Amino acid sequence: SRNGKLLAKVKIVNVMEDRAIANVMPNWKLDDIMEGDTVL
Protein backbone atom coordinates (compact mmCIF):
# COMPACT_ATOMS: atom_id res chain seq x y z
CA SER A 1 0.00 0.00 0.00
CA ARG A 2 0.87 3.67 -0.33
CA ASN A 3 -0.78 6.40 1.74
CA GLY A 4 -3.41 3.92 2.92
CA LYS A 5 -4.37 2.88 -0.64
CA LEU A 6 -4.09 -0.82 -1.54
CA LEU A 7 -1.83 -1.30 -4.57
CA ALA A 8 -1.33 -5.06 -4.83
CA LYS A 9 -1.12 -8.41 -3.10
CA VAL A 10 2.18 -10.30 -3.27
CA LYS A 11 3.25 -13.86 -2.49
CA ILE A 12 6.62 -14.60 -0.87
CA VAL A 13 8.70 -16.88 -3.12
CA ASN A 14 12.17 -16.58 -1.53
CA VAL A 15 13.07 -15.73 2.08
CA MET A 16 16.58 -14.70 3.12
CA GLU A 17 17.78 -13.61 6.56
CA ASP A 18 16.99 -9.90 6.16
CA ARG A 19 14.99 -9.63 2.94
CA ALA A 20 12.52 -11.50 0.77
CA ILE A 21 11.39 -11.70 -2.84
CA ALA A 22 7.68 -11.66 -3.60
CA ASN A 23 5.75 -12.07 -6.85
CA VAL A 24 2.85 -9.77 -7.57
CA MET A 25 -0.26 -11.96 -7.65
CA PRO A 26 -2.21 -11.91 -10.94
CA ASN A 27 -5.55 -10.07 -10.72
CA TRP A 28 -4.39 -8.36 -7.50
CA LYS A 29 -2.36 -5.54 -9.04
CA LEU A 30 -4.47 -2.40 -8.68
CA ASP A 31 -1.70 0.15 -9.31
CA ASP A 32 2.04 0.34 -9.97
CA ILE A 33 4.32 -0.47 -7.03
CA MET A 34 7.21 1.88 -6.24
CA GLU A 35 10.27 1.67 -4.03
CA GLY A 36 9.38 2.80 -0.52
CA ASP A 37 5.79 1.51 -0.60
CA THR A 38 4.57 -0.15 2.60
CA VAL A 39 4.23 -3.93 2.87
CA LEU A 40 1.88 -5.42 5.48
PDB file of all heavy atoms in Angstrom:
ATOM      1  N   SER A   1       0.825  -1.207   0.000  1.00  0.00           N
ATOM      2  CA  SER A   1       0.000   0.000   0.000  1.00  0.00           C
ATOM      3  C   SER A   1       0.857   1.254   0.000  1.00  0.00           C
ATOM      4  O   SER A   1       2.042   1.216   0.308  1.00  0.00           O
ATOM      5  CB  SER A   1      -0.933   0.005   1.218  1.00  0.00           C
ATOM      6  OG  SER A   1      -0.183   0.134   2.408  1.00  0.00           O
ATOM      7  N   ARG A   2       0.222   2.357  -0.368  1.00  0.00           N
ATOM      8  CA  ARG A   2       0.866   3.671  -0.330  1.00  0.00           C
ATOM      9  C   ARG A   2      -0.180   4.675   0.138  1.00  0.00           C
ATOM     10  O   ARG A   2      -1.256   4.764  -0.426  1.00  0.00           O
ATOM     11  CB  ARG A   2       1.385   4.057  -1.717  1.00  0.00           C
ATOM     12  CG  ARG A   2       2.141   5.378  -1.736  1.00  0.00           C
ATOM     13  CD  ARG A   2       2.582   5.803  -3.140  1.00  0.00           C
ATOM     14  NE  ARG A   2       3.089   4.694  -3.928  1.00  0.00           N
ATOM     15  CZ  ARG A   2       2.603   4.381  -5.137  1.00  0.00           C
ATOM     16  NH1 ARG A   2       1.651   5.071  -5.705  1.00  0.00           N
ATOM     17  NH2 ARG A   2       3.104   3.352  -5.794  1.00  0.00           N
ATOM     18  N   ASN A   3       0.147   5.399   1.189  1.00  0.00           N
ATOM     19  CA  ASN A   3      -0.777   6.402   1.742  1.00  0.00           C
ATOM     20  C   ASN A   3      -2.149   5.803   2.038  1.00  0.00           C
ATOM     21  O   ASN A   3      -3.175   6.423   1.787  1.00  0.00           O
ATOM     22  CB  ASN A   3      -0.920   7.590   0.785  1.00  0.00           C
ATOM     23  CG  ASN A   3       0.397   8.275   0.528  1.00  0.00           C
ATOM     24  OD1 ASN A   3       1.254   8.349   1.412  1.00  0.00           O
ATOM     25  ND2 ASN A   3       0.589   8.760  -0.681  1.00  0.00           N
ATOM     26  N   GLY A   4      -2.161   4.567   2.545  1.00  0.00           N
ATOM     27  CA  GLY A   4      -3.413   3.925   2.916  1.00  0.00           C
ATOM     28  C   GLY A   4      -4.194   3.325   1.762  1.00  0.00           C
ATOM     29  O   GLY A   4      -5.274   2.775   1.965  1.00  0.00           O
ATOM     30  N   LYS A   5      -3.673   3.423   0.538  1.00  0.00           N
ATOM     31  CA  LYS A   5      -4.366   2.879  -0.638  1.00  0.00           C
ATOM     32  C   LYS A   5      -3.741   1.541  -1.024  1.00  0.00           C
ATOM     33  O   LYS A   5      -2.529   1.443  -1.213  1.00  0.00           O
ATOM     34  CB  LYS A   5      -4.254   3.862  -1.805  1.00  0.00           C
ATOM     35  CG  LYS A   5      -4.928   3.372  -3.066  1.00  0.00           C
ATOM     36  CD  LYS A   5      -4.694   4.335  -4.220  1.00  0.00           C
ATOM     37  CE  LYS A   5      -5.210   3.704  -5.501  1.00  0.00           C
ATOM     38  NZ  LYS A   5      -4.462   4.128  -6.668  1.00  0.00           N
ATOM     39  N   LEU A   6      -4.578   0.501  -1.148  1.00  0.00           N
ATOM     40  CA  LEU A   6      -4.094  -0.818  -1.540  1.00  0.00           C
ATOM     41  C   LEU A   6      -3.631  -0.793  -2.989  1.00  0.00           C
ATOM     42  O   LEU A   6      -4.339  -0.318  -3.872  1.00  0.00           O
ATOM     43  CB  LEU A   6      -5.217  -1.853  -1.371  1.00  0.00           C
ATOM     44  CG  LEU A   6      -4.862  -3.285  -1.779  1.00  0.00           C
ATOM     45  CD1 LEU A   6      -3.769  -3.847  -0.878  1.00  0.00           C
ATOM     46  CD2 LEU A   6      -6.093  -4.171  -1.729  1.00  0.00           C
ATOM     47  N   LEU A   7      -2.401  -1.273  -3.224  1.00  0.00           N
ATOM     48  CA  LEU A   7      -1.835  -1.300  -4.573  1.00  0.00           C
ATOM     49  C   LEU A   7      -1.813  -2.707  -5.161  1.00  0.00           C
ATOM     50  O   LEU A   7      -2.057  -2.887  -6.350  1.00  0.00           O
ATOM     51  CB  LEU A   7      -0.393  -0.770  -4.557  1.00  0.00           C
ATOM     52  CG  LEU A   7      -0.175   0.627  -4.012  1.00  0.00           C
ATOM     53  CD1 LEU A   7       1.303   0.938  -3.938  1.00  0.00           C
ATOM     54  CD2 LEU A   7      -0.898   1.642  -4.869  1.00  0.00           C
ATOM     55  N   ALA A   8      -1.484  -3.698  -4.318  1.00  0.00           N
ATOM     56  CA  ALA A   8      -1.334  -5.062  -4.828  1.00  0.00           C
ATOM     57  C   ALA A   8      -1.246  -6.049  -3.670  1.00  0.00           C
ATOM     58  O   ALA A   8      -1.050  -5.667  -2.520  1.00  0.00           O
ATOM     59  CB  ALA A   8      -0.078  -5.162  -5.682  1.00  0.00           C
ATOM     60  N   LYS A   9      -1.370  -7.316  -4.034  1.00  0.00           N
ATOM     61  CA  LYS A   9      -1.121  -8.406  -3.099  1.00  0.00           C
ATOM     62  C   LYS A   9       0.053  -9.185  -3.683  1.00  0.00           C
ATOM     63  O   LYS A   9       0.107  -9.409  -4.888  1.00  0.00           O
ATOM     64  CB  LYS A   9      -2.357  -9.299  -2.997  1.00  0.00           C
ATOM     65  CG  LYS A   9      -2.326 -10.264  -1.826  1.00  0.00           C
ATOM     66  CD  LYS A   9      -3.525 -11.189  -1.880  1.00  0.00           C
ATOM     67  CE  LYS A   9      -4.420 -10.977  -0.697  1.00  0.00           C
ATOM     68  NZ  LYS A   9      -5.483 -12.014  -0.612  1.00  0.00           N
ATOM     69  N   VAL A  10       0.999  -9.566  -2.817  1.00  0.00           N
ATOM     70  CA  VAL A  10       2.184 -10.296  -3.272  1.00  0.00           C
ATOM     71  C   VAL A  10       2.330 -11.598  -2.488  1.00  0.00           C
ATOM     72  O   VAL A  10       1.851 -11.714  -1.359  1.00  0.00           O
ATOM     73  CB  VAL A  10       3.473  -9.437  -3.136  1.00  0.00           C
ATOM     74  CG1 VAL A  10       3.413  -8.219  -4.037  1.00  0.00           C
ATOM     75  CG2 VAL A  10       3.725  -9.020  -1.698  1.00  0.00           C
ATOM     76  N   LYS A  11       3.013 -12.564  -3.119  1.00  0.00           N
ATOM     77  CA  LYS A  11       3.250 -13.861  -2.495  1.00  0.00           C
ATOM     78  C   LYS A  11       4.753 -14.072  -2.357  1.00  0.00           C
ATOM     79  O   LYS A  11       5.497 -13.925  -3.325  1.00  0.00           O
ATOM     80  CB  LYS A  11       2.640 -14.969  -3.356  1.00  0.00           C
ATOM     81  CG  LYS A  11       2.755 -16.342  -2.748  1.00  0.00           C
ATOM     82  CD  LYS A  11       2.029 -17.348  -3.620  1.00  0.00           C
ATOM     83  CE  LYS A  11       2.111 -18.730  -3.010  1.00  0.00           C
ATOM     84  NZ  LYS A  11       1.377 -19.708  -3.829  1.00  0.00           N
ATOM     85  N   ILE A  12       5.201 -14.407  -1.149  1.00  0.00           N
ATOM     86  CA  ILE A  12       6.618 -14.599  -0.868  1.00  0.00           C
ATOM     87  C   ILE A  12       7.113 -15.867  -1.565  1.00  0.00           C
ATOM     88  O   ILE A  12       6.561 -16.947  -1.343  1.00  0.00           O
ATOM     89  CB  ILE A  12       6.870 -14.722   0.654  1.00  0.00           C
ATOM     90  CG1 ILE A  12       6.226 -13.574   1.434  1.00  0.00           C
ATOM     91  CG2 ILE A  12       8.365 -14.826   0.944  1.00  0.00           C
ATOM     92  CD1 ILE A  12       6.723 -12.215   1.117  1.00  0.00           C
ATOM     93  N   VAL A  13       8.163 -15.716  -2.392  1.00  0.00           N
ATOM     94  CA  VAL A  13       8.699 -16.876  -3.121  1.00  0.00           C
ATOM     95  C   VAL A  13      10.129 -17.219  -2.707  1.00  0.00           C
ATOM     96  O   VAL A  13      10.621 -18.284  -3.036  1.00  0.00           O
ATOM     97  CB  VAL A  13       8.626 -16.669  -4.655  1.00  0.00           C
ATOM     98  CG1 VAL A  13       7.179 -16.629  -5.124  1.00  0.00           C
ATOM     99  CG2 VAL A  13       9.372 -15.426  -5.079  1.00  0.00           C
ATOM    100  N   ASN A  14      10.799 -16.316  -1.985  1.00  0.00           N
ATOM    101  CA  ASN A  14      12.166 -16.579  -1.534  1.00  0.00           C
ATOM    102  C   ASN A  14      12.411 -15.764  -0.269  1.00  0.00           C
ATOM    103  O   ASN A  14      12.208 -14.551  -0.270  1.00  0.00           O
ATOM    104  CB  ASN A  14      13.160 -16.184  -2.631  1.00  0.00           C
ATOM    105  CG  ASN A  14      14.569 -16.653  -2.338  1.00  0.00           C
ATOM    106  OD1 ASN A  14      14.899 -17.005  -1.213  1.00  0.00           O
ATOM    107  ND2 ASN A  14      15.407 -16.641  -3.351  1.00  0.00           N
ATOM    108  N   VAL A  15      12.819 -16.428   0.808  1.00  0.00           N
ATOM    109  CA  VAL A  15      13.066 -15.734   2.076  1.00  0.00           C
ATOM    110  C   VAL A  15      14.538 -15.865   2.453  1.00  0.00           C
ATOM    111  O   VAL A  15      15.052 -16.976   2.554  1.00  0.00           O
ATOM    112  CB  VAL A  15      12.187 -16.302   3.215  1.00  0.00           C
ATOM    113  CG1 VAL A  15      12.427 -15.530   4.502  1.00  0.00           C
ATOM    114  CG2 VAL A  15      10.720 -16.270   2.842  1.00  0.00           C
ATOM    115  N   MET A  16      15.204 -14.726   2.641  1.00  0.00           N
ATOM    116  CA  MET A  16      16.585 -14.698   3.119  1.00  0.00           C
ATOM    117  C   MET A  16      16.572 -14.162   4.548  1.00  0.00           C
ATOM    118  O   MET A  16      15.510 -13.863   5.077  1.00  0.00           O
ATOM    119  CB  MET A  16      17.433 -13.831   2.193  1.00  0.00           C
ATOM    120  CG  MET A  16      17.630 -14.475   0.818  1.00  0.00           C
ATOM    121  SD  MET A  16      17.890 -13.274  -0.486  1.00  0.00           S
ATOM    122  CE  MET A  16      16.216 -13.002  -1.034  1.00  0.00           C
ATOM    123  N   GLU A  17      17.723 -14.027   5.164  1.00  0.00           N
ATOM    124  CA  GLU A  17      17.781 -13.605   6.560  1.00  0.00           C
ATOM    125  C   GLU A  17      17.143 -12.236   6.782  1.00  0.00           C
ATOM    126  O   GLU A  17      16.357 -12.057   7.704  1.00  0.00           O
ATOM    127  CB  GLU A  17      19.241 -13.591   7.033  1.00  0.00           C
ATOM    128  CG  GLU A  17      19.393 -13.491   8.537  1.00  0.00           C
ATOM    129  CD  GLU A  17      18.710 -14.612   9.316  1.00  0.00           C
ATOM    130  OE1 GLU A  17      18.658 -15.766   8.846  1.00  0.00           O
ATOM    131  OE2 GLU A  17      18.206 -14.315  10.409  1.00  0.00           O
ATOM    132  N   ASP A  18      17.469 -11.265   5.915  1.00  0.00           N
ATOM    133  CA  ASP A  18      16.991  -9.899   6.162  1.00  0.00           C
ATOM    134  C   ASP A  18      16.210  -9.292   5.003  1.00  0.00           C
ATOM    135  O   ASP A  18      15.946  -8.104   4.984  1.00  0.00           O
ATOM    136  CB  ASP A  18      18.174  -8.993   6.520  1.00  0.00           C
ATOM    137  CG  ASP A  18      19.212  -8.937   5.402  1.00  0.00           C
ATOM    138  OD1 ASP A  18      19.110  -9.739   4.439  1.00  0.00           O
ATOM    139  OD2 ASP A  18      20.125  -8.108   5.492  1.00  0.00           O
ATOM    140  N   ARG A  19      15.840 -10.121   4.022  1.00  0.00           N
ATOM    141  CA  ARG A  19      14.994  -9.625   2.935  1.00  0.00           C
ATOM    142  C   ARG A  19      14.272 -10.793   2.273  1.00  0.00           C
ATOM    143  O   ARG A  19      14.587 -11.949   2.525  1.00  0.00           O
ATOM    144  CB  ARG A  19      15.803  -8.835   1.922  1.00  0.00           C
ATOM    145  CG  ARG A  19      16.852  -9.608   1.186  1.00  0.00           C
ATOM    146  CD  ARG A  19      17.696  -8.670   0.319  1.00  0.00           C
ATOM    147  NE  ARG A  19      18.725  -9.388  -0.389  1.00  0.00           N
ATOM    148  CZ  ARG A  19      19.897  -9.738   0.104  1.00  0.00           C
ATOM    149  NH1 ARG A  19      20.194  -9.443   1.359  1.00  0.00           N
ATOM    150  NH2 ARG A  19      20.778 -10.390  -0.605  1.00  0.00           N
ATOM    151  N   ALA A  20      13.304 -10.467   1.439  1.00  0.00           N
ATOM    152  CA  ALA A  20      12.520 -11.501   0.767  1.00  0.00           C
ATOM    153  C   ALA A  20      12.121 -11.021  -0.617  1.00  0.00           C
ATOM    154  O   ALA A  20      12.045  -9.817  -0.878  1.00  0.00           O
ATOM    155  CB  ALA A  20      11.282 -11.842   1.587  1.00  0.00           C
ATOM    156  N   ILE A  21      11.869 -11.991  -1.496  1.00  0.00           N
ATOM    157  CA  ILE A  21      11.387 -11.695  -2.840  1.00  0.00           C
ATOM    158  C   ILE A  21       9.941 -12.167  -2.914  1.00  0.00           C
ATOM    159  O   ILE A  21       9.610 -13.261  -2.448  1.00  0.00           O
ATOM    160  CB  ILE A  21      12.244 -12.418  -3.898  1.00  0.00           C
ATOM    161  CG1 ILE A  21      13.683 -11.916  -3.813  1.00  0.00           C
ATOM    162  CG2 ILE A  21      11.667 -12.204  -5.304  1.00  0.00           C
ATOM    163  CD1 ILE A  21      14.666 -12.697  -4.665  1.00  0.00           C
ATOM    164  N   ALA A  22       9.096 -11.328  -3.492  1.00  0.00           N
ATOM    165  CA  ALA A  22       7.678 -11.660  -3.601  1.00  0.00           C
ATOM    166  C   ALA A  22       7.175 -11.359  -5.003  1.00  0.00           C
ATOM    167  O   ALA A  22       7.511 -10.326  -5.579  1.00  0.00           O
ATOM    168  CB  ALA A  22       6.871 -10.861  -2.577  1.00  0.00           C
ATOM    169  N   ASN A  23       6.377 -12.281  -5.545  1.00  0.00           N
ATOM    170  CA  ASN A  23       5.752 -12.073  -6.848  1.00  0.00           C
ATOM    171  C   ASN A  23       4.425 -11.360  -6.671  1.00  0.00           C
ATOM    172  O   ASN A  23       3.670 -11.672  -5.747  1.00  0.00           O
ATOM    173  CB  ASN A  23       5.504 -13.414  -7.540  1.00  0.00           C
ATOM    174  CG  ASN A  23       6.780 -14.041  -8.054  1.00  0.00           C
ATOM    175  OD1 ASN A  23       7.773 -13.365  -8.294  1.00  0.00           O
ATOM    176  ND2 ASN A  23       6.764 -15.353  -8.215  1.00  0.00           N
ATOM    177  N   VAL A  24       4.145 -10.433  -7.575  1.00  0.00           N
ATOM    178  CA  VAL A  24       2.846  -9.767  -7.574  1.00  0.00           C
ATOM    179  C   VAL A  24       1.821 -10.786  -8.061  1.00  0.00           C
ATOM    180  O   VAL A  24       2.016 -11.439  -9.086  1.00  0.00           O
ATOM    181  CB  VAL A  24       2.861  -8.522  -8.485  1.00  0.00           C
ATOM    182  CG1 VAL A  24       1.497  -7.870  -8.515  1.00  0.00           C
ATOM    183  CG2 VAL A  24       3.920  -7.532  -8.014  1.00  0.00           C
ATOM    184  N   MET A  25       0.740 -10.957  -7.307  1.00  0.00           N
ATOM    185  CA  MET A  25      -0.264 -11.955  -7.655  1.00  0.00           C
ATOM    186  C   MET A  25      -1.132 -11.455  -8.814  1.00  0.00           C
ATOM    187  O   MET A  25      -1.589 -10.304  -8.784  1.00  0.00           O
ATOM    188  CB  MET A  25      -1.118 -12.280  -6.431  1.00  0.00           C
ATOM    189  CG  MET A  25      -0.316 -12.945  -5.325  1.00  0.00           C
ATOM    190  SD  MET A  25      -1.237 -13.181  -3.801  1.00  0.00           S
ATOM    191  CE  MET A  25      -2.467 -14.361  -4.306  1.00  0.00           C
ATOM    192  N   PRO A  26      -1.349 -12.307  -9.817  1.00  0.00           N
ATOM    193  CA  PRO A  26      -2.207 -11.911 -10.943  1.00  0.00           C
ATOM    194  C   PRO A  26      -3.594 -11.522 -10.428  1.00  0.00           C
ATOM    195  O   PRO A  26      -4.081 -12.086  -9.455  1.00  0.00           O
ATOM    196  CB  PRO A  26      -2.287 -13.179 -11.796  1.00  0.00           C
ATOM    197  CG  PRO A  26      -1.154 -14.037 -11.346  1.00  0.00           C
ATOM    198  CD  PRO A  26      -0.866 -13.665  -9.924  1.00  0.00           C
ATOM    199  N   ASN A  27      -4.206 -10.573 -11.069  1.00  0.00           N
ATOM    200  CA  ASN A  27      -5.547 -10.067 -10.723  1.00  0.00           C
ATOM    201  C   ASN A  27      -5.584  -9.294  -9.404  1.00  0.00           C
ATOM    202  O   ASN A  27      -6.639  -8.889  -8.963  1.00  0.00           O
ATOM    203  CB  ASN A  27      -6.583 -11.194 -10.682  1.00  0.00           C
ATOM    204  CG  ASN A  27      -6.635 -11.967 -11.977  1.00  0.00           C
ATOM    205  OD1 ASN A  27      -6.479 -11.395 -13.057  1.00  0.00           O
ATOM    206  ND2 ASN A  27      -6.827 -13.260 -11.891  1.00  0.00           N
ATOM    207  N   TRP A  28      -4.426  -9.116  -8.755  1.00  0.00           N
ATOM    208  CA  TRP A  28      -4.390  -8.361  -7.502  1.00  0.00           C
ATOM    209  C   TRP A  28      -3.579  -7.085  -7.635  1.00  0.00           C
ATOM    210  O   TRP A  28      -3.317  -6.413  -6.650  1.00  0.00           O
ATOM    211  CB  TRP A  28      -3.809  -9.218  -6.375  1.00  0.00           C
ATOM    212  CG  TRP A  28      -4.846 -10.079  -5.731  1.00  0.00           C
ATOM    213  CD1 TRP A  28      -5.116 -11.387  -5.993  1.00  0.00           C
ATOM    214  CD2 TRP A  28      -5.769  -9.697  -4.711  1.00  0.00           C
ATOM    215  NE1 TRP A  28      -6.137 -11.829  -5.212  1.00  0.00           N
ATOM    216  CE2 TRP A  28      -6.563 -10.817  -4.411  1.00  0.00           C
ATOM    217  CE3 TRP A  28      -6.003  -8.503  -4.021  1.00  0.00           C
ATOM    218  CZ2 TRP A  28      -7.564 -10.780  -3.459  1.00  0.00           C
ATOM    219  CZ3 TRP A  28      -6.999  -8.479  -3.067  1.00  0.00           C
ATOM    220  CH2 TRP A  28      -7.770  -9.610  -2.793  1.00  0.00           C
ATOM    221  N   LYS A  29      -3.140  -6.762  -8.837  1.00  0.00           N
ATOM    222  CA  LYS A  29      -2.363  -5.536  -9.038  1.00  0.00           C
ATOM    223  C   LYS A  29      -3.319  -4.414  -9.411  1.00  0.00           C
ATOM    224  O   LYS A  29      -3.875  -4.392 -10.501  1.00  0.00           O
ATOM    225  CB  LYS A  29      -1.308  -5.737 -10.128  1.00  0.00           C
ATOM    226  CG  LYS A  29      -0.378  -4.551 -10.266  1.00  0.00           C
ATOM    227  CD  LYS A  29       0.744  -4.849 -11.221  1.00  0.00           C
ATOM    228  CE  LYS A  29       1.667  -3.651 -11.319  1.00  0.00           C
ATOM    229  NZ  LYS A  29       2.759  -3.906 -12.252  1.00  0.00           N
ATOM    230  N   LEU A  30      -3.522  -3.493  -8.479  1.00  0.00           N
ATOM    231  CA  LEU A  30      -4.467  -2.403  -8.684  1.00  0.00           C
ATOM    232  C   LEU A  30      -3.776  -1.132  -9.173  1.00  0.00           C
ATOM    233  O   LEU A  30      -4.406  -0.271  -9.756  1.00  0.00           O
ATOM    234  CB  LEU A  30      -5.224  -2.119  -7.382  1.00  0.00           C
ATOM    235  CG  LEU A  30      -5.885  -3.352  -6.746  1.00  0.00           C
ATOM    236  CD1 LEU A  30      -6.470  -3.000  -5.399  1.00  0.00           C
ATOM    237  CD2 LEU A  30      -6.944  -3.933  -7.666  1.00  0.00           C
ATOM    238  N   ASP A  31      -2.478  -1.024  -8.912  1.00  0.00           N
ATOM    239  CA  ASP A  31      -1.700   0.152  -9.313  1.00  0.00           C
ATOM    240  C   ASP A  31      -0.221  -0.224  -9.322  1.00  0.00           C
ATOM    241  O   ASP A  31       0.147  -1.268  -8.802  1.00  0.00           O
ATOM    242  CB  ASP A  31      -1.950   1.312  -8.341  1.00  0.00           C
ATOM    243  CG  ASP A  31      -1.747   2.680  -8.994  1.00  0.00           C
ATOM    244  OD1 ASP A  31      -1.099   2.739 -10.067  1.00  0.00           O
ATOM    245  OD2 ASP A  31      -2.212   3.681  -8.440  1.00  0.00           O
ATOM    246  N   ASP A  32       0.607   0.629  -9.915  1.00  0.00           N
ATOM    247  CA  ASP A  32       2.039   0.345  -9.967  1.00  0.00           C
ATOM    248  C   ASP A  32       2.668   0.448  -8.580  1.00  0.00           C
ATOM    249  O   ASP A  32       2.330   1.338  -7.800  1.00  0.00           O
ATOM    250  CB  ASP A  32       2.744   1.315 -10.913  1.00  0.00           C
ATOM    251  CG  ASP A  32       2.413   1.032 -12.372  1.00  0.00           C
ATOM    252  OD1 ASP A  32       2.074  -0.124 -12.693  1.00  0.00           O
ATOM    253  OD2 ASP A  32       2.477   1.968 -13.179  1.00  0.00           O
ATOM    254  N   ILE A  33       3.588  -0.463  -8.295  1.00  0.00           N
ATOM    255  CA  ILE A  33       4.317  -0.469  -7.026  1.00  0.00           C
ATOM    256  C   ILE A  33       5.608   0.316  -7.211  1.00  0.00           C
ATOM    257  O   ILE A  33       6.244   0.226  -8.262  1.00  0.00           O
ATOM    258  CB  ILE A  33       4.624  -1.918  -6.608  1.00  0.00           C
ATOM    259  CG1 ILE A  33       3.326  -2.709  -6.449  1.00  0.00           C
ATOM    260  CG2 ILE A  33       5.436  -1.945  -5.315  1.00  0.00           C
ATOM    261  CD1 ILE A  33       3.529  -4.203  -6.238  1.00  0.00           C
ATOM    262  N   MET A  34       5.977   1.081  -6.189  1.00  0.00           N
ATOM    263  CA  MET A  34       7.206   1.881  -6.243  1.00  0.00           C
ATOM    264  C   MET A  34       8.076   1.555  -5.038  1.00  0.00           C
ATOM    265  O   MET A  34       7.569   1.095  -4.009  1.00  0.00           O
ATOM    266  CB  MET A  34       6.878   3.381  -6.244  1.00  0.00           C
ATOM    267  CG  MET A  34       6.128   3.831  -7.471  1.00  0.00           C
ATOM    268  SD  MET A  34       5.592   5.571  -7.525  1.00  0.00           S
ATOM    269  CE  MET A  34       6.321   6.350  -6.144  1.00  0.00           C
ATOM    270  N   GLU A  35       9.377   1.834  -5.161  1.00  0.00           N
ATOM    271  CA  GLU A  35      10.275   1.667  -4.026  1.00  0.00           C
ATOM    272  C   GLU A  35       9.783   2.555  -2.887  1.00  0.00           C
ATOM    273  O   GLU A  35       9.361   3.682  -3.124  1.00  0.00           O
ATOM    274  CB  GLU A  35      11.699   2.040  -4.421  1.00  0.00           C
ATOM    275  CG  GLU A  35      12.316   1.051  -5.400  1.00  0.00           C
ATOM    276  CD  GLU A  35      13.712   1.471  -5.860  1.00  0.00           C
ATOM    277  OE1 GLU A  35      14.308   2.364  -5.232  1.00  0.00           O
ATOM    278  OE2 GLU A  35      14.185   0.889  -6.846  1.00  0.00           O
ATOM    279  N   GLY A  36       9.827   2.032  -1.681  1.00  0.00           N
ATOM    280  CA  GLY A  36       9.379   2.804  -0.519  1.00  0.00           C
ATOM    281  C   GLY A  36       7.938   2.540  -0.122  1.00  0.00           C
ATOM    282  O   GLY A  36       7.504   2.993   0.933  1.00  0.00           O
ATOM    283  N   ASP A  37       7.183   1.829  -0.963  1.00  0.00           N
ATOM    284  CA  ASP A  37       5.794   1.506  -0.601  1.00  0.00           C
ATOM    285  C   ASP A  37       5.791   0.591   0.626  1.00  0.00           C
ATOM    286  O   ASP A  37       6.734  -0.155   0.866  1.00  0.00           O
ATOM    287  CB  ASP A  37       5.069   0.825  -1.769  1.00  0.00           C
ATOM    288  CG  ASP A  37       4.699   1.808  -2.874  1.00  0.00           C
ATOM    289  OD1 ASP A  37       4.666   3.022  -2.618  1.00  0.00           O
ATOM    290  OD2 ASP A  37       4.422   1.346  -3.999  1.00  0.00           O
ATOM    291  N   THR A  38       4.712   0.631   1.376  1.00  0.00           N
ATOM    292  CA  THR A  38       4.571  -0.150   2.599  1.00  0.00           C
ATOM    293  C   THR A  38       4.083  -1.557   2.288  1.00  0.00           C
ATOM    294  O   THR A  38       3.221  -1.743   1.424  1.00  0.00           O
ATOM    295  CB  THR A  38       3.578   0.546   3.552  1.00  0.00           C
ATOM    296  OG1 THR A  38       4.051   1.860   3.820  1.00  0.00           O
ATOM    297  CG2 THR A  38       3.442  -0.207   4.862  1.00  0.00           C
ATOM    298  N   VAL A  39       4.640  -2.546   3.002  1.00  0.00           N
ATOM    299  CA  VAL A  39       4.231  -3.931   2.867  1.00  0.00           C
ATOM    300  C   VAL A  39       3.696  -4.394   4.218  1.00  0.00           C
ATOM    301  O   VAL A  39       4.353  -4.207   5.241  1.00  0.00           O
ATOM    302  CB  VAL A  39       5.422  -4.815   2.442  1.00  0.00           C
ATOM    303  CG1 VAL A  39       4.966  -6.233   2.179  1.00  0.00           C
ATOM    304  CG2 VAL A  39       6.106  -4.263   1.211  1.00  0.00           C
ATOM    305  N   LEU A  40       2.502  -4.976   4.236  1.00  0.00           N
ATOM    306  CA  LEU A  40       1.877  -5.423   5.476  1.00  0.00           C
ATOM    307  C   LEU A  40       1.638  -6.919   5.427  1.00  0.00           C
ATOM    308  O   LEU A  40       1.175  -7.451   4.419  1.00  0.00           O
ATOM    309  CB  LEU A  40       0.537  -4.710   5.677  1.00  0.00           C
ATOM    310  CG  LEU A  40       0.588  -3.192   5.732  1.00  0.00           C
ATOM    311  CD1 LEU A  40      -0.797  -2.603   5.609  1.00  0.00           C
ATOM    312  CD2 LEU A  40       1.259  -2.734   6.997  1.00  0.00           C
TER     313      LEU A  40
END
